[in-house]
Amino acid sequence: MGARYYGADSEDGDRIDDPSEDALFMMISDLNDSDNTFVVIQPDEDDPVWYASVAVLEEGGYEIVLRDASRSEHEVTTATSIGDIARELKIWLACRHYPGRPPRKIYDF
């Protein structure tokens, strides 16, 4: 079927379509410094306009890259808590544009 919005791919070939926060946590937990050093999350389309990646650092911890060309965003940070990384990724991913997704409704109360 494929991903509805985006997919997460690790260096060792694992793939999860539209991963939950828990699935991202597991993928990041499986990273190591020898043969599975990164995870990339991006939409399933040719020439995607945004991506996020998490990579293992040799000195410990993780490097997180968030890039969205449509918003001129490019952020590189480091972190050690896998739970915090997975949560922040889900928040960032929720703000991305997905073709075919209904527009968000804004209400004035």
C-alpha atoms as a PDB file:
ATOM      1  CA  MET A   1       0.000   0.000   0.000  1.00  0.00           C
ATOM      2  CA  GLY A   2       2.779   2.467   0.819  1.00  0.00           C
ATOM      3  CA  ALA A   3       2.890   5.449   3.091  1.00  0.00           C
ATOM      4  CA  ARG A   4      -0.041   7.802   3.199  1.00  0.00           C
ATOM      5  CA  TYR A   5       2.123  10.744   4.273  1.00  0.00           C
ATOM      6  CA  TYR A   6       5.768   9.759   4.814  1.00  0.00           C
ATOM      7  CA  GLY A   7       8.094   6.871   5.462  1.00  0.00           C
ATOM      8  CA  ALA A   8      11.015   6.239   7.808  1.00  0.00           C
ATOM      9  CA  ASP A   9      13.967   4.317   6.389  1.00  0.00           C
ATOM     10  CA  SER A  10      17.021   3.171   8.320  1.00  0.00           C
ATOM     11  CA  GLU A  11      20.445   2.429   6.922  1.00  0.00           C
ATOM     12  CA  ASP A  12      19.973  -1.314   7.493  1.00  0.00           C
ATOM     13  CA  GLY A  13      16.916  -1.384   5.218  1.00  0.00           C
ATOM     14  CA  ASP A  14      14.100  -1.249   7.778  1.00  0.00           C
ATOM     15  CA  ARG A  15      11.135   0.823   6.666  1.00  0.00           C
ATOM     16  CA  ILE A  16       8.002   1.951   8.451  1.00  0.00           C
ATOM     17  CA  ASP A  17       5.231   3.814   6.626  1.00  0.00           C
ATOM     18  CA  ASP A  18       3.691   6.698   8.585  1.00  0.00           C
ATOM     19  CA  PRO A  19       5.495   5.698  11.805  1.00  0.00           C
ATOM     20  CA  SER A  20       4.033   6.475  15.211  1.00  0.00           C
ATOM     21  CA  GLU A  21       6.099   8.088  17.959  1.00  0.00           C
ATOM     22  CA  ASP A  22       6.669   4.612  19.413  1.00  0.00           C
ATOM     23  CA  ALA A  23       7.840   3.273  16.035  1.00  0.00           C
ATOM     24  CA  LEU A  24      10.280   6.173  15.682  1.00  0.00           C
ATOM     25  CA  PHE A  25      11.525   5.461  19.215  1.00  0.00           C
ATOM     26  CA  MET A  26      12.178   1.832  18.262  1.00  0.00           C
ATOM     27  CA  MET A  27      13.951   2.743  15.007  1.00  0.00           C
ATOM     28  CA  ILE A  28      16.204   5.231  16.793  1.00  0.00           C
ATOM     29  CA  SER A  29      16.848   2.691  19.588  1.00  0.00           C
ATOM     30  CA  ASP A  30      18.044   0.204  16.955  1.00  0.00           C
ATOM     31  CA  LEU A  31      20.708   2.587  15.612  1.00  0.00           C
ATOM     32  CA  ASN A  32      24.361   1.743  16.266  1.00  0.00           C
ATOM     33  CA  ASP A  33      27.751   3.099  15.267  1.00  0.00           C
ATOM     34  CA  SER A  34      28.697   0.327  12.824  1.00  0.00           C
ATOM     35  CA  ASP A  35      26.066  -0.730  10.274  1.00  0.00           C
ATOM     36  CA  ASN A  36      22.838   1.095  11.136  1.00  0.00           C
ATOM     37  CA  THR A  37      23.884   4.679  11.791  1.00  0.00           C
ATOM     38  CA  PHE A  38      20.901   6.740  10.595  1.00  0.00           C
ATOM     39  CA  VAL A  39      17.155   7.013   9.999  1.00  0.00           C
ATOM     40  CA  VAL A  40      15.658   9.308   7.343  1.00  0.00           C
ATOM     41  CA  ILE A  41      12.006  10.374   7.369  1.00  0.00           C
ATOM     42  CA  GLN A  42      10.537  11.972   4.249  1.00  0.00           C
ATOM     43  CA  PRO A  43       7.438  11.978   2.071  1.00  0.00           C
ATOM     44  CA  ASP A  44       7.055   9.233  -0.513  1.00  0.00           C
ATOM     45  CA  GLU A  45       7.423  11.395  -3.599  1.00  0.00           C
ATOM     46  CA  ASP A  46      10.024  12.282  -6.188  1.00  0.00           C
ATOM     47  CA  ASP A  47      12.240  15.156  -5.057  1.00  0.00           C
ATOM     48  CA  PRO A  48      10.711  15.642  -1.579  1.00  0.00           C
ATOM     49  CA  VAL A  49      10.721  19.215  -0.288  1.00  0.00           C
ATOM     50  CA  TRP A  50      11.385  18.213   3.336  1.00  0.00           C
ATOM     51  CA  TYR A  51      13.118  15.531   5.375  1.00  0.00           C
ATOM     52  CA  ALA A  52      14.225  14.733   8.899  1.00  0.00           C
ATOM     53  CA  SER A  53      17.156  12.534   9.854  1.00  0.00           C
ATOM     54  CA  VAL A  54      18.613  11.110  13.037  1.00  0.00           C
ATOM     55  CA  ALA A  55      22.199   9.852  13.062  1.00  0.00           C
ATOM     56  CA  VAL A  56      24.392   8.282  15.737  1.00  0.00           C
ATOM     57  CA  LEU A  57      27.307  10.450  16.872  1.00  0.00           C
ATOM     58  CA  GLU A  58      30.669   8.763  17.534  1.00  0.00           C
ATOM     59  CA  GLU A  59      30.979  10.559  20.871  1.00  0.00           C
ATOM     60  CA  GLY A  60      27.500   9.436  21.931  1.00  0.00           C
ATOM     61  CA  GLY A  61      24.056  10.871  21.413  1.00  0.00           C
ATOM     62  CA  TYR A  62      22.340  11.706  18.158  1.00  0.00           C
ATOM     63  CA  GLU A  63      22.400  14.433  15.523  1.00  0.00           C
ATOM     64  CA  ILE A  64      18.951  15.527  14.348  1.00  0.00           C
ATOM     65  CA  VAL A  65      18.540  17.373  11.038  1.00  0.00           C
ATOM     66  CA  LEU A  66      15.217  18.996  10.143  1.00  0.00           C
ATOM     67  CA  ARG A  67      15.029  20.463   6.640  1.00  0.00           C
ATOM     68  CA  ASP A  68      12.030  21.987   4.864  1.00  0.00           C
ATOM     69  CA  ALA A  69      12.913  23.933   1.717  1.00  0.00           C
ATOM     70  CA  SER A  70       9.334  25.228   1.317  1.00  0.00           C
ATOM     71  CA  ARG A  71       9.679  27.091   4.648  1.00  0.00           C
ATOM     72  CA  SER A  72      13.397  27.843   4.425  1.00  0.00           C
ATOM     73  CA  GLU A  73      13.929  25.743   7.551  1.00  0.00           C
ATOM     74  CA  HIS A  74      17.200  23.976   8.264  1.00  0.00           C
ATOM     75  CA  GLU A  75      17.944  23.024  11.852  1.00  0.00           C
ATOM     76  CA  VAL A  76      20.710  20.781  13.149  1.00  0.00           C
ATOM     77  CA  THR A  77      20.716  19.807  16.828  1.00  0.00           C
ATOM     78  CA  THR A  78      22.053  17.081  19.072  1.00  0.00           C
ATOM     79  CA  ALA A  79      20.280  15.144  21.807  1.00  0.00           C
ATOM     80  CA  THR A  80      20.704  12.080  23.971  1.00  0.00           C
ATOM     81  CA  SER A  81      17.117  11.197  24.954  1.00  0.00           C
ATOM     82  CA  ILE A  82      15.494   8.937  22.369  1.00  0.00           C
ATOM     83  CA  GLY A  83      12.048   9.662  23.848  1.00  0.00           C
ATOM     84  CA  ASP A  84      12.540  13.407  23.444  1.00  0.00           C
ATOM     85  CA  ILE A  85      13.813  12.957  19.886  1.00  0.00           C
ATOM     86  CA  ALA A  86      10.829  10.799  18.842  1.00  0.00           C
ATOM     87  CA  ARG A  87       8.346  13.229  20.432  1.00  0.00           C
ATOM     88  CA  GLU A  88       9.924  16.299  18.809  1.00  0.00           C
ATOM     89  CA  LEU A  89      10.035  14.538  15.435  1.00  0.00           C
ATOM     90  CA  LYS A  90       6.297  13.761  15.602  1.00  0.00           C
ATOM     91  CA  ILE A  91       5.537  17.404  16.440  1.00  0.00           C
ATOM     92  CA  TRP A  92       7.695  18.620  13.559  1.00  0.00           C
ATOM     93  CA  LEU A  93       6.224  16.055  11.149  1.00  0.00           C
ATOM     94  CA  ALA A  94       2.680  17.099  12.070  1.00  0.00           C
ATOM     95  CA  CYS A  95       3.436  20.608  10.760  1.00  0.00           C
ATOM     96  CA  ARG A  96       4.575  19.462   7.295  1.00  0.00           C
ATOM     97  CA  HIS A  97       2.525  19.779   4.125  1.00  0.00           C
ATOM     98  CA  TYR A  98       1.184  16.537   2.672  1.00  0.00           C
ATOM     99  CA  PRO A  99      -0.380  16.553  -0.801  1.00  0.00           C
ATOM    100  CA  GLY A 100      -3.954  15.359  -0.623  1.00  0.00           C
ATOM    101  CA  ARG A 101      -4.358  16.075   3.087  1.00  0.00           C
ATOM    102  CA  PRO A 102      -7.422  18.212   3.774  1.00  0.00           C
ATOM    103  CA  PRO A 103      -6.597  21.765   4.830  1.00  0.00           C
ATOM    104  CA  ARG A 104      -6.724  22.498   8.530  1.00  0.00           C
ATOM    105  CA  LYS A 105      -9.800  24.318   9.706  1.00  0.00           C
ATOM    106  CA  ILE A 106      -9.287  27.425  11.755  1.00  0.00           C
ATOM    107  CA  TYR A 107     -12.136  28.528  13.941  1.00  0.00           C
ATOM    108  CA  ASP A 108     -12.805  31.945  15.439  1.00  0.00           C
ATOM    109  CA  PHE A 109     -14.375  31.600  18.843  1.00  0.00           C
END
